[in-house]
Amino acid sequence: MKKFSLALAAALSLFGLSAEAQERTWPNWYVGLHARMAWVEDTDLNIGGTNAGNVEFDNGYGAGASLGYMPGGDGFMNNTRFELEYSFNQADLDTLAGAAIGDDIRVHSYMVNAFYDIPTGTSIVPYIGAGAGLANVDLDVPSRNLNDDDSVFAYQFMGGIGYSPVSVPNTTLTFGYRYFASDDPEFSVGTTNVDHELSSHNLEVGARFAF
């Protein structure tokens, strides 16, 4: 009887440890989706080292997807996320040196991001983040015989809020702001180089699905 009691106690102890471990287990991976409105900053267009005038952009749009990992654990790392992200942005060129044009710029970005979720003890959690990577910039200006692309270093800073509804487990809805910028992309028109700065302010909505 004594042996049975000891065995039962050991089994209950293991069950308790298992239950505790299960309670501490949380999804470490997630996929994210987002859509955004982009306000591309006006910039000067340089052709062959000469300023060809100021370029103004219409409001743009974009979308992206990410694969993220949450290390978990204690302290700072428990609220930290890391992710790989692909995004696509497009905006129309409105005017060049005051003249209306109907061309566009497209940006494919491949970024590595890090986020910190600020704990609040509620289902609403603010976040901040930063990322760096590569941007492929495609500029299409037929009126200037320009249709070329360039890949340059890019970086971004993010901030916003996430909301995790109790009725939808492992799902977080997000609303945030993103500042995106890159090194100056350079393009070729024959033997002439064309370059300009690239940066944008973005408002975005999205969702993360943990698994």
N, C-alpha and C. Protein backbone atom coordinates (compact mmCIF):
# COMPACT_ATOMS: atom_id res chain seq x y z
N MET A 1 0.83 -1.20 0.00
CA MET A 1 0.00 0.00 0.00
C MET A 1 0.87 1.25 0.00
N LYS A 2 1.95 1.14 0.80
CA LYS A 2 2.86 2.28 0.88
C LYS A 2 3.50 2.57 -0.47
N LYS A 3 3.91 1.48 -1.18
CA LYS A 3 4.52 1.63 -2.50
C LYS A 3 3.52 2.23 -3.48
N PHE A 4 2.27 1.78 -3.39
CA PHE A 4 1.24 2.31 -4.28
C PHE A 4 1.03 3.80 -4.04
N SER A 5 1.03 4.19 -2.75
CA SER A 5 0.85 5.60 -2.41
C SER A 5 1.99 6.44 -2.95
N LEU A 6 3.22 5.91 -2.83
CA LEU A 6 4.38 6.64 -3.34
C LEU A 6 4.31 6.76 -4.86
N ALA A 7 3.89 5.67 -5.52
CA ALA A 7 3.77 5.69 -6.98
C ALA A 7 2.70 6.68 -7.41
N LEU A 8 1.57 6.68 -6.69
CA LEU A 8 0.49 7.61 -7.02
C LEU A 8 0.94 9.05 -6.82
N ALA A 9 1.65 9.29 -5.74
CA ALA A 9 2.15 10.65 -5.48
C ALA A 9 3.11 11.09 -6.57
N ALA A 10 3.97 10.15 -6.99
CA ALA A 10 4.93 10.47 -8.04
C ALA A 10 4.20 10.77 -9.35
N ALA A 11 3.17 9.95 -9.65
CA ALA A 11 2.41 10.16 -10.88
C ALA A 11 1.69 11.50 -10.85
N LEU A 12 1.09 11.83 -9.70
CA LEU A 12 0.40 13.11 -9.59
C LEU A 12 1.37 14.27 -9.71
N SER A 13 2.57 14.06 -9.14
CA SER A 13 3.60 15.09 -9.23
C SER A 13 4.00 15.32 -10.67
N LEU A 14 4.20 14.23 -11.41
CA LEU A 14 4.56 14.36 -12.83
C LEU A 14 3.45 15.01 -13.62
N PHE A 15 2.20 14.63 -13.29
CA PHE A 15 1.06 15.24 -13.97
C PHE A 15 1.02 16.74 -13.72
N GLY A 16 1.31 17.08 -12.44
CA GLY A 16 1.31 18.50 -12.10
C GLY A 16 2.38 19.25 -12.85
N LEU A 17 3.59 18.65 -12.94
CA LEU A 17 4.66 19.28 -13.68
C LEU A 17 4.31 19.40 -15.14
N SER A 18 3.68 18.32 -15.69
CA SER A 18 3.30 18.34 -17.09
C SER A 18 2.27 19.43 -17.36
N ALA A 19 1.28 19.55 -16.44
CA ALA A 19 0.25 20.55 -16.60
C ALA A 19 0.85 21.95 -16.53
N GLU A 20 1.83 22.12 -15.56
CA GLU A 20 2.46 23.43 -15.43
C GLU A 20 3.25 23.77 -16.68
N ALA A 21 3.97 22.75 -17.21
CA ALA A 21 4.75 22.98 -18.42
C ALA A 21 3.84 23.34 -19.59
N GLN A 22 2.68 22.65 -19.64
CA GLN A 22 1.75 22.93 -20.72
C GLN A 22 1.20 24.34 -20.61
N GLU A 23 0.95 24.79 -19.36
CA GLU A 23 0.44 26.13 -19.18
C GLU A 23 1.46 27.18 -19.63
N ARG A 24 2.75 26.84 -19.49
CA ARG A 24 3.80 27.77 -19.87
C ARG A 24 4.14 27.71 -21.36
N THR A 25 3.61 26.71 -22.03
CA THR A 25 3.90 26.59 -23.46
C THR A 25 3.02 27.56 -24.24
N TRP A 26 3.63 28.31 -25.15
CA TRP A 26 2.87 29.24 -25.99
C TRP A 26 3.44 29.18 -27.39
N PRO A 27 2.65 29.49 -28.40
CA PRO A 27 3.14 29.40 -29.77
C PRO A 27 4.37 30.29 -29.98
N ASN A 28 5.43 29.72 -30.50
CA ASN A 28 6.67 30.46 -30.70
C ASN A 28 6.79 31.08 -32.09
N TRP A 29 6.02 30.59 -33.04
CA TRP A 29 6.10 31.07 -34.41
C TRP A 29 4.80 31.75 -34.82
N TYR A 30 4.92 32.68 -35.76
CA TYR A 30 3.71 33.31 -36.29
C TYR A 30 3.95 33.74 -37.74
N VAL A 31 2.86 33.91 -38.44
CA VAL A 31 2.89 34.54 -39.76
C VAL A 31 2.11 35.84 -39.65
N GLY A 32 2.58 36.85 -40.34
CA GLY A 32 1.93 38.14 -40.30
C GLY A 32 1.58 38.63 -41.69
N LEU A 33 0.50 39.36 -41.80
CA LEU A 33 0.07 39.99 -43.05
C LEU A 33 -0.27 41.44 -42.75
N HIS A 34 0.03 42.34 -43.69
CA HIS A 34 -0.34 43.73 -43.48
C HIS A 34 -0.59 44.42 -44.82
N ALA A 35 -1.37 45.48 -44.75
CA ALA A 35 -1.61 46.37 -45.89
C ALA A 35 -1.36 47.79 -45.41
N ARG A 36 -0.90 48.66 -46.33
CA ARG A 36 -0.52 49.99 -45.89
C ARG A 36 -0.84 51.06 -46.92
N MET A 37 -0.99 52.27 -46.41
CA MET A 37 -1.02 53.47 -47.24
C MET A 37 0.33 54.16 -47.05
N ALA A 38 0.91 54.63 -48.16
CA ALA A 38 2.26 55.20 -48.11
C ALA A 38 2.25 56.65 -48.60
N TRP A 39 2.96 57.49 -47.88
CA TRP A 39 3.20 58.86 -48.29
C TRP A 39 4.70 58.99 -48.58
N VAL A 40 5.03 58.94 -49.86
CA VAL A 40 6.44 58.99 -50.27
C VAL A 40 6.90 60.44 -50.24
N GLU A 41 8.04 60.68 -49.61
CA GLU A 41 8.54 62.04 -49.50
C GLU A 41 9.05 62.55 -50.85
N ASP A 42 8.78 63.81 -51.12
CA ASP A 42 9.29 64.43 -52.35
C ASP A 42 10.81 64.46 -52.32
N THR A 43 11.42 64.44 -53.50
CA THR A 43 12.87 64.41 -53.56
C THR A 43 13.37 65.05 -54.85
N ASP A 44 14.66 65.33 -54.90
CA ASP A 44 15.29 65.85 -56.11
C ASP A 44 15.76 64.69 -56.98
N LEU A 45 15.57 64.81 -58.28
CA LEU A 45 16.05 63.82 -59.24
C LEU A 45 17.32 64.36 -59.88
N ASN A 46 18.40 63.59 -59.76
CA ASN A 46 19.69 63.99 -60.33
C ASN A 46 19.98 63.15 -61.57
N ILE A 47 20.24 63.82 -62.69
CA ILE A 47 20.56 63.14 -63.94
C ILE A 47 21.97 63.55 -64.35
N GLY A 48 22.86 62.56 -64.36
CA GLY A 48 24.25 62.85 -64.72
C GLY A 48 24.89 63.84 -63.77
N GLY A 49 24.50 63.80 -62.49
CA GLY A 49 25.06 64.71 -61.50
C GLY A 49 24.44 66.08 -61.49
N THR A 50 23.45 66.33 -62.36
CA THR A 50 22.78 67.63 -62.43
C THR A 50 21.35 67.49 -61.92
N ASN A 51 20.94 68.44 -61.10
CA ASN A 51 19.59 68.43 -60.55
C ASN A 51 18.58 68.68 -61.68
N ALA A 52 17.70 67.66 -61.92
CA ALA A 52 16.70 67.79 -62.98
C ALA A 52 15.37 68.31 -62.46
N GLY A 53 15.31 68.61 -61.16
CA GLY A 53 14.09 69.14 -60.59
C GLY A 53 13.54 68.27 -59.48
N ASN A 54 12.53 68.78 -58.84
CA ASN A 54 11.91 68.10 -57.70
C ASN A 54 10.85 67.11 -58.18
N VAL A 55 10.87 65.91 -57.61
CA VAL A 55 9.87 64.89 -57.94
C VAL A 55 8.84 64.82 -56.81
N GLU A 56 7.57 64.94 -57.15
CA GLU A 56 6.49 64.78 -56.19
C GLU A 56 5.73 63.50 -56.50
N PHE A 57 5.36 62.79 -55.43
CA PHE A 57 4.68 61.51 -55.57
C PHE A 57 3.24 61.60 -55.09
N ASP A 58 2.36 60.85 -55.74
CA ASP A 58 1.02 60.64 -55.20
C ASP A 58 1.10 59.69 -54.03
N ASN A 59 0.02 59.62 -53.24
CA ASN A 59 -0.03 58.64 -52.16
C ASN A 59 0.06 57.23 -52.75
N GLY A 60 0.83 56.38 -52.10
CA GLY A 60 1.00 55.03 -52.59
C GLY A 60 0.32 54.00 -51.72
N TYR A 61 0.58 52.75 -52.01
CA TYR A 61 -0.01 51.66 -51.25
C TYR A 61 0.98 50.51 -51.20
N GLY A 62 0.75 49.57 -50.33
CA GLY A 62 1.64 48.43 -50.23
C GLY A 62 1.03 47.31 -49.42
N ALA A 63 1.72 46.19 -49.40
CA ALA A 63 1.30 45.02 -48.65
C ALA A 63 2.53 44.18 -48.35
N GLY A 64 2.40 43.31 -47.36
CA GLY A 64 3.55 42.48 -47.02
C GLY A 64 3.17 41.27 -46.21
N ALA A 65 4.14 40.37 -46.05
CA ALA A 65 3.96 39.16 -45.27
C ALA A 65 5.25 38.89 -44.49
N SER A 66 5.12 38.25 -43.35
CA SER A 66 6.29 38.00 -42.52
C SER A 66 6.19 36.65 -41.84
N LEU A 67 7.34 36.10 -41.49
CA LEU A 67 7.45 34.90 -40.66
C LEU A 67 8.22 35.30 -39.42
N GLY A 68 7.59 35.12 -38.25
CA GLY A 68 8.20 35.60 -37.02
C GLY A 68 8.42 34.52 -35.99
N TYR A 69 9.33 34.82 -35.04
CA TYR A 69 9.65 33.90 -33.95
C TYR A 69 9.67 34.67 -32.64
N MET A 70 9.03 34.09 -31.61
CA MET A 70 8.99 34.68 -30.28
C MET A 70 9.77 33.79 -29.32
N PRO A 71 10.95 34.21 -28.86
CA PRO A 71 11.78 33.33 -28.03
C PRO A 71 11.14 32.92 -26.72
N GLY A 72 10.33 33.80 -26.12
CA GLY A 72 9.75 33.49 -24.82
C GLY A 72 10.81 33.55 -23.74
N GLY A 73 10.52 32.94 -22.59
CA GLY A 73 11.46 32.96 -21.47
C GLY A 73 11.11 34.05 -20.49
N ASP A 74 12.11 34.45 -19.71
CA ASP A 74 11.89 35.46 -18.67
C ASP A 74 12.46 36.81 -19.10
N GLY A 75 11.95 37.86 -18.47
CA GLY A 75 12.51 39.18 -18.66
C GLY A 75 12.27 39.76 -20.05
N PHE A 76 13.28 40.47 -20.52
CA PHE A 76 13.18 41.24 -21.77
C PHE A 76 12.82 40.36 -22.95
N MET A 77 13.45 39.18 -23.06
CA MET A 77 13.23 38.33 -24.23
C MET A 77 11.81 37.80 -24.32
N ASN A 78 11.11 37.76 -23.19
CA ASN A 78 9.74 37.25 -23.20
C ASN A 78 8.81 38.13 -24.03
N ASN A 79 9.21 39.39 -24.24
CA ASN A 79 8.38 40.33 -24.98
C ASN A 79 9.00 40.74 -26.31
N THR A 80 9.96 39.95 -26.77
CA THR A 80 10.70 40.28 -27.98
C THR A 80 10.29 39.34 -29.11
N ARG A 81 10.23 39.90 -30.33
CA ARG A 81 9.93 39.10 -31.52
C ARG A 81 10.96 39.41 -32.61
N PHE A 82 11.24 38.40 -33.42
CA PHE A 82 12.12 38.57 -34.57
C PHE A 82 11.40 38.02 -35.80
N GLU A 83 11.61 38.67 -36.95
CA GLU A 83 10.89 38.20 -38.14
C GLU A 83 11.64 38.51 -39.43
N LEU A 84 11.32 37.72 -40.43
CA LEU A 84 11.72 37.96 -41.81
C LEU A 84 10.50 38.48 -42.55
N GLU A 85 10.68 39.54 -43.34
CA GLU A 85 9.53 40.19 -43.95
C GLU A 85 9.79 40.51 -45.42
N TYR A 86 8.75 40.30 -46.22
CA TYR A 86 8.74 40.77 -47.61
C TYR A 86 7.61 41.79 -47.75
N SER A 87 7.91 42.91 -48.42
CA SER A 87 6.88 43.92 -48.66
C SER A 87 6.98 44.44 -50.09
N PHE A 88 5.84 44.90 -50.59
CA PHE A 88 5.78 45.54 -51.90
C PHE A 88 5.08 46.88 -51.75
N ASN A 89 5.71 47.93 -52.28
CA ASN A 89 5.12 49.27 -52.27
C ASN A 89 5.10 49.84 -53.67
N GLN A 90 4.09 50.63 -53.97
CA GLN A 90 4.02 51.31 -55.27
C GLN A 90 3.43 52.69 -55.07
N ALA A 91 4.00 53.67 -55.81
CA ALA A 91 3.47 55.03 -55.80
C ALA A 91 3.66 55.64 -57.18
N ASP A 92 2.72 56.46 -57.58
CA ASP A 92 2.82 57.15 -58.87
C ASP A 92 3.61 58.45 -58.72
N LEU A 93 4.42 58.76 -59.72
CA LEU A 93 5.09 60.06 -59.77
C LEU A 93 4.07 61.09 -60.25
N ASP A 94 3.89 62.13 -59.46
CA ASP A 94 2.89 63.14 -59.78
C ASP A 94 3.46 64.20 -60.71
N THR A 95 4.53 64.86 -60.28
CA THR A 95 5.15 65.89 -61.11
C THR A 95 6.67 65.79 -61.05
N LEU A 96 7.32 66.22 -62.11
CA LEU A 96 8.77 66.35 -62.17
C LEU A 96 9.08 67.76 -62.66
N ALA A 97 9.77 68.51 -61.78
CA ALA A 97 10.09 69.92 -62.07
C ALA A 97 8.82 70.70 -62.43
N GLY A 98 7.72 70.36 -61.76
CA GLY A 98 6.46 71.07 -61.95
C GLY A 98 5.61 70.57 -63.08
N ALA A 99 6.14 69.68 -63.92
CA ALA A 99 5.38 69.14 -65.06
C ALA A 99 4.73 67.82 -64.67
N ALA A 100 3.48 67.66 -65.03
CA ALA A 100 2.75 66.43 -64.69
C ALA A 100 3.30 65.24 -65.47
N ILE A 101 3.49 64.12 -64.77
CA ILE A 101 3.90 62.87 -65.41
C ILE A 101 3.07 61.75 -64.82
N GLY A 102 2.95 60.65 -65.55
CA GLY A 102 2.09 59.56 -65.11
C GLY A 102 2.84 58.27 -64.91
N ASP A 103 4.03 58.34 -64.34
CA ASP A 103 4.87 57.16 -64.20
C ASP A 103 4.84 56.67 -62.75
N ASP A 104 5.57 55.60 -62.47
CA ASP A 104 5.50 55.07 -61.11
C ASP A 104 6.83 54.50 -60.63
N ILE A 105 6.88 54.29 -59.31
CA ILE A 105 8.02 53.67 -58.67
C ILE A 105 7.50 52.48 -57.85
N ARG A 106 8.21 51.36 -57.95
CA ARG A 106 7.82 50.15 -57.23
C ARG A 106 9.01 49.67 -56.40
N VAL A 107 8.72 49.26 -55.16
CA VAL A 107 9.78 48.85 -54.24
C VAL A 107 9.45 47.48 -53.66
N HIS A 108 10.35 46.53 -53.88
CA HIS A 108 10.27 45.22 -53.23
C HIS A 108 11.32 45.22 -52.11
N SER A 109 10.91 44.99 -50.88
CA SER A 109 11.86 45.02 -49.77
C SER A 109 11.90 43.67 -49.05
N TYR A 110 13.11 43.30 -48.63
CA TYR A 110 13.36 42.04 -47.92
C TYR A 110 14.08 42.40 -46.62
N MET A 111 13.36 42.31 -45.50
CA MET A 111 13.85 42.89 -44.26
C MET A 111 13.96 41.86 -43.13
N VAL A 112 14.88 42.12 -42.21
CA VAL A 112 14.97 41.40 -40.94
C VAL A 112 14.57 42.39 -39.86
N ASN A 113 13.55 42.06 -39.07
CA ASN A 113 12.99 42.98 -38.09
C ASN A 113 13.12 42.44 -36.67
N ALA A 114 13.17 43.36 -35.71
CA ALA A 114 13.11 43.02 -34.29
C ALA A 114 12.07 43.92 -33.63
N PHE A 115 11.22 43.34 -32.80
CA PHE A 115 10.16 44.08 -32.13
C PHE A 115 10.22 43.86 -30.62
N TYR A 116 9.73 44.86 -29.90
CA TYR A 116 9.53 44.69 -28.46
C TYR A 116 8.09 45.05 -28.15
N ASP A 117 7.35 44.09 -27.57
CA ASP A 117 5.96 44.30 -27.17
C ASP A 117 5.96 44.81 -25.73
N ILE A 118 5.41 45.99 -25.52
CA ILE A 118 5.42 46.61 -24.19
C ILE A 118 4.30 46.01 -23.36
N PRO A 119 4.64 45.24 -22.29
CA PRO A 119 3.59 44.54 -21.52
C PRO A 119 2.67 45.51 -20.80
N THR A 120 1.38 45.25 -20.90
CA THR A 120 0.38 46.09 -20.22
C THR A 120 -0.52 45.27 -19.29
N GLY A 121 -0.45 43.94 -19.39
CA GLY A 121 -1.35 43.11 -18.60
C GLY A 121 -2.75 43.07 -19.16
N THR A 122 -2.94 43.58 -20.38
CA THR A 122 -4.25 43.57 -21.02
C THR A 122 -4.10 42.97 -22.41
N SER A 123 -5.21 42.91 -23.15
CA SER A 123 -5.18 42.37 -24.51
C SER A 123 -4.71 43.41 -25.53
N ILE A 124 -4.46 44.64 -25.08
CA ILE A 124 -3.95 45.70 -25.95
C ILE A 124 -2.49 45.95 -25.60
N VAL A 125 -1.59 45.73 -26.56
CA VAL A 125 -0.15 45.80 -26.29
C VAL A 125 0.52 46.71 -27.32
N PRO A 126 1.12 47.82 -26.88
CA PRO A 126 1.90 48.64 -27.81
C PRO A 126 3.19 47.92 -28.20
N TYR A 127 3.73 48.28 -29.37
CA TYR A 127 4.98 47.68 -29.80
C TYR A 127 5.85 48.73 -30.49
N ILE A 128 7.15 48.49 -30.45
CA ILE A 128 8.11 49.28 -31.21
C ILE A 128 9.03 48.30 -31.92
N GLY A 129 9.63 48.75 -33.02
CA GLY A 129 10.48 47.84 -33.76
C GLY A 129 11.38 48.56 -34.75
N ALA A 130 12.34 47.82 -35.27
CA ALA A 130 13.25 48.34 -36.28
C ALA A 130 13.68 47.19 -37.17
N GLY A 131 14.08 47.54 -38.39
CA GLY A 131 14.49 46.50 -39.33
C GLY A 131 15.51 47.02 -40.32
N ALA A 132 16.21 46.09 -40.96
CA ALA A 132 17.20 46.44 -41.98
C ALA A 132 17.20 45.33 -43.02
N GLY A 133 17.60 45.69 -44.24
CA GLY A 133 17.62 44.68 -45.28
C GLY A 133 17.92 45.27 -46.64
N LEU A 134 17.26 44.72 -47.64
CA LEU A 134 17.52 45.07 -49.04
C LEU A 134 16.24 45.54 -49.70
N ALA A 135 16.34 46.61 -50.50
CA ALA A 135 15.20 47.10 -51.27
C ALA A 135 15.56 47.11 -52.75
N ASN A 136 14.71 46.49 -53.55
CA ASN A 136 14.86 46.57 -55.00
C ASN A 136 13.89 47.63 -55.50
N VAL A 137 14.45 48.71 -56.05
CA VAL A 137 13.66 49.88 -56.46
C VAL A 137 13.58 49.91 -57.98
N ASP A 138 12.35 49.92 -58.50
CA ASP A 138 12.10 49.92 -59.95
C ASP A 138 11.46 51.24 -60.32
N LEU A 139 12.17 52.04 -61.11
CA LEU A 139 11.66 53.35 -61.53
C LEU A 139 11.33 53.30 -63.02
N ASP A 140 10.09 53.66 -63.35
CA ASP A 140 9.62 53.60 -64.73
C ASP A 140 9.15 54.99 -65.16
N VAL A 141 9.96 55.67 -65.96
CA VAL A 141 9.62 57.01 -66.45
C VAL A 141 9.80 57.03 -67.97
N PRO A 142 8.80 56.55 -68.74
CA PRO A 142 8.93 56.49 -70.20
C PRO A 142 9.23 57.84 -70.85
N SER A 143 8.71 58.92 -70.25
CA SER A 143 8.93 60.23 -70.84
C SER A 143 10.41 60.62 -70.82
N ARG A 144 11.19 59.98 -69.93
CA ARG A 144 12.63 60.23 -69.86
C ARG A 144 13.43 59.02 -70.35
N ASN A 145 12.75 58.10 -71.03
CA ASN A 145 13.38 56.86 -71.51
C ASN A 145 14.07 56.11 -70.37
N LEU A 146 13.42 56.11 -69.21
CA LEU A 146 14.00 55.49 -68.02
C LEU A 146 13.13 54.34 -67.55
N ASN A 147 13.68 53.16 -67.55
CA ASN A 147 13.02 51.98 -66.99
C ASN A 147 14.11 51.06 -66.48
N ASP A 148 14.46 51.22 -65.22
CA ASP A 148 15.59 50.50 -64.65
C ASP A 148 15.31 50.23 -63.18
N ASP A 149 16.11 49.34 -62.59
CA ASP A 149 15.96 49.05 -61.17
C ASP A 149 17.33 48.97 -60.51
N ASP A 150 17.33 49.12 -59.18
CA ASP A 150 18.56 49.05 -58.41
C ASP A 150 18.24 48.45 -57.05
N SER A 151 19.18 47.69 -56.51
CA SER A 151 19.03 47.10 -55.18
C SER A 151 19.95 47.82 -54.21
N VAL A 152 19.38 48.32 -53.12
CA VAL A 152 20.12 49.14 -52.17
C VAL A 152 19.79 48.73 -50.74
N PHE A 153 20.65 49.14 -49.81
CA PHE A 153 20.40 48.92 -48.38
C PHE A 153 19.18 49.71 -47.94
N ALA A 154 18.33 49.11 -47.10
CA ALA A 154 17.12 49.77 -46.61
C ALA A 154 16.98 49.56 -45.11
N TYR A 155 16.26 50.46 -44.48
CA TYR A 155 16.00 50.33 -43.04
C TYR A 155 14.63 50.90 -42.73
N GLN A 156 14.10 50.55 -41.57
CA GLN A 156 12.76 51.00 -41.20
C GLN A 156 12.60 51.01 -39.68
N PHE A 157 11.66 51.84 -39.22
CA PHE A 157 11.30 51.91 -37.81
C PHE A 157 9.78 51.81 -37.72
N MET A 158 9.31 51.03 -36.75
CA MET A 158 7.88 50.76 -36.63
C MET A 158 7.39 51.03 -35.20
N GLY A 159 6.12 51.35 -35.08
CA GLY A 159 5.47 51.50 -33.80
C GLY A 159 3.97 51.38 -33.97
N GLY A 160 3.30 50.87 -32.95
CA GLY A 160 1.85 50.73 -33.06
C GLY A 160 1.28 49.98 -31.88
N ILE A 161 0.10 49.44 -32.08
CA ILE A 161 -0.57 48.66 -31.03
C ILE A 161 -1.07 47.35 -31.61
N GLY A 162 -1.08 46.33 -30.76
CA GLY A 162 -1.65 45.04 -31.12
C GLY A 162 -2.80 44.71 -30.20
N TYR A 163 -3.82 44.09 -30.73
CA TYR A 163 -4.98 43.69 -29.93
C TYR A 163 -5.23 42.20 -30.16
N SER A 164 -5.26 41.45 -29.06
CA SER A 164 -5.47 40.00 -29.13
C SER A 164 -6.85 39.67 -28.59
N PRO A 165 -7.84 39.48 -29.46
CA PRO A 165 -9.20 39.18 -28.98
C PRO A 165 -9.27 37.81 -28.31
N VAL A 166 -9.93 37.75 -27.18
CA VAL A 166 -10.06 36.49 -26.44
C VAL A 166 -10.82 35.46 -27.26
N SER A 167 -11.75 35.92 -28.07
CA SER A 167 -12.59 35.00 -28.85
C SER A 167 -11.86 34.39 -30.04
N VAL A 168 -10.67 34.90 -30.36
CA VAL A 168 -9.89 34.38 -31.49
C VAL A 168 -8.49 34.05 -31.00
N PRO A 169 -8.27 32.84 -30.48
CA PRO A 169 -6.97 32.49 -29.89
C PRO A 169 -5.82 32.62 -30.90
N ASN A 170 -4.65 32.98 -30.36
CA ASN A 170 -3.40 33.03 -31.14
C ASN A 170 -3.46 34.02 -32.32
N THR A 171 -4.33 35.00 -32.21
CA THR A 171 -4.46 36.02 -33.26
C THR A 171 -4.28 37.40 -32.67
N THR A 172 -3.49 38.22 -33.34
CA THR A 172 -3.28 39.61 -32.90
C THR A 172 -3.54 40.54 -34.08
N LEU A 173 -4.44 41.49 -33.88
CA LEU A 173 -4.74 42.51 -34.88
C LEU A 173 -3.86 43.72 -34.60
N THR A 174 -3.33 44.34 -35.64
CA THR A 174 -2.37 45.42 -35.42
C THR A 174 -2.74 46.68 -36.23
N PHE A 175 -2.36 47.80 -35.68
CA PHE A 175 -2.46 49.09 -36.36
C PHE A 175 -1.20 49.86 -36.02
N GLY A 176 -0.49 50.36 -37.04
CA GLY A 176 0.77 50.99 -36.73
C GLY A 176 1.27 51.96 -37.77
N TYR A 177 2.43 52.54 -37.43
CA TYR A 177 3.13 53.50 -38.29
C TYR A 177 4.49 52.92 -38.64
N ARG A 178 4.95 53.18 -39.86
CA ARG A 178 6.25 52.69 -40.31
C ARG A 178 6.96 53.79 -41.10
N TYR A 179 8.22 54.04 -40.74
CA TYR A 179 9.06 54.92 -41.54
C TYR A 179 10.05 54.04 -42.30
N PHE A 180 10.08 54.17 -43.62
CA PHE A 180 10.92 53.34 -44.47
C PHE A 180 11.84 54.25 -45.28
N ALA A 181 13.11 53.87 -45.37
CA ALA A 181 14.06 54.66 -46.16
C ALA A 181 15.16 53.73 -46.67
N SER A 182 15.90 54.22 -47.66
CA SER A 182 16.97 53.42 -48.24
C SER A 182 18.12 54.32 -48.68
N ASP A 183 19.25 53.69 -49.00
CA ASP A 183 20.30 54.42 -49.71
C ASP A 183 19.74 54.89 -51.05
N ASP A 184 20.39 55.87 -51.64
CA ASP A 184 19.90 56.43 -52.91
C ASP A 184 20.03 55.40 -54.03
N PRO A 185 18.93 54.98 -54.63
CA PRO A 185 19.03 54.08 -55.79
C PRO A 185 19.54 54.82 -57.01
N GLU A 186 20.32 54.13 -57.84
CA GLU A 186 20.85 54.71 -59.07
C GLU A 186 20.35 53.92 -60.28
N PHE A 187 20.01 54.66 -61.33
CA PHE A 187 19.47 54.05 -62.54
C PHE A 187 20.29 54.53 -63.74
N SER A 188 20.14 53.84 -64.84
CA SER A 188 20.91 54.18 -66.04
C SER A 188 19.98 54.53 -67.19
N VAL A 189 20.31 55.63 -67.87
CA VAL A 189 19.68 55.99 -69.14
C VAL A 189 20.83 56.08 -70.14
N GLY A 190 21.05 55.00 -70.87
CA GLY A 190 22.23 54.92 -71.73
C GLY A 190 23.48 54.93 -70.87
N THR A 191 24.33 55.94 -71.05
CA THR A 191 25.55 56.07 -70.24
C THR A 191 25.37 57.08 -69.11
N THR A 192 24.15 57.57 -68.93
CA THR A 192 23.89 58.59 -67.91
C THR A 192 23.30 57.95 -66.67
N ASN A 193 23.80 58.34 -65.49
CA ASN A 193 23.28 57.84 -64.22
C ASN A 193 22.20 58.78 -63.68
N VAL A 194 21.17 58.18 -63.13
CA VAL A 194 20.06 58.92 -62.52
C VAL A 194 19.91 58.42 -61.08
N ASP A 195 19.79 59.32 -60.13
CA ASP A 195 19.60 58.89 -58.74
C ASP A 195 18.68 59.85 -58.00
N HIS A 196 18.11 59.34 -56.91
CA HIS A 196 17.25 60.16 -56.06
C HIS A 196 17.15 59.50 -54.69
N GLU A 197 16.72 60.26 -53.70
CA GLU A 197 16.50 59.72 -52.37
C GLU A 197 15.16 58.98 -52.33
N LEU A 198 15.03 58.09 -51.35
CA LEU A 198 13.77 57.35 -51.22
C LEU A 198 13.45 57.17 -49.75
N SER A 199 12.29 57.68 -49.35
CA SER A 199 11.79 57.48 -47.98
C SER A 199 10.28 57.67 -47.98
N SER A 200 9.63 57.05 -47.02
CA SER A 200 8.17 57.14 -46.97
C SER A 200 7.66 56.99 -45.55
N HIS A 201 6.50 57.57 -45.32
CA HIS A 201 5.75 57.40 -44.07
C HIS A 201 4.55 56.52 -44.38
N ASN A 202 4.27 55.54 -43.52
CA ASN A 202 3.24 54.55 -43.82
C ASN A 202 2.32 54.32 -42.62
N LEU A 203 1.04 54.21 -42.89
CA LEU A 203 0.07 53.75 -41.90
C LEU A 203 -0.41 52.38 -42.37
N GLU A 204 -0.48 51.42 -41.42
CA GLU A 204 -0.79 50.05 -41.84
C GLU A 204 -1.69 49.34 -40.85
N VAL A 205 -2.44 48.39 -41.37
CA VAL A 205 -3.24 47.48 -40.57
C VAL A 205 -2.81 46.06 -40.92
N GLY A 206 -2.91 45.18 -39.94
CA GLY A 206 -2.47 43.82 -40.21
C GLY A 206 -2.94 42.84 -39.15
N ALA A 207 -2.42 41.64 -39.24
CA ALA A 207 -2.76 40.59 -38.29
C ALA A 207 -1.60 39.60 -38.19
N ARG A 208 -1.43 39.05 -37.00
CA ARG A 208 -0.45 37.99 -36.78
C ARG A 208 -1.18 36.73 -36.32
N PHE A 209 -0.76 35.59 -36.85
CA PHE A 209 -1.38 34.31 -36.50
C PHE A 209 -0.30 33.38 -35.96
N ALA A 210 -0.35 33.11 -34.67
CA ALA A 210 0.67 32.26 -34.03
C ALA A 210 0.35 30.78 -34.24
N PHE A 211 1.41 29.99 -34.33
CA PHE A 211 1.20 28.54 -34.48
C PHE A 211 2.33 27.78 -33.80
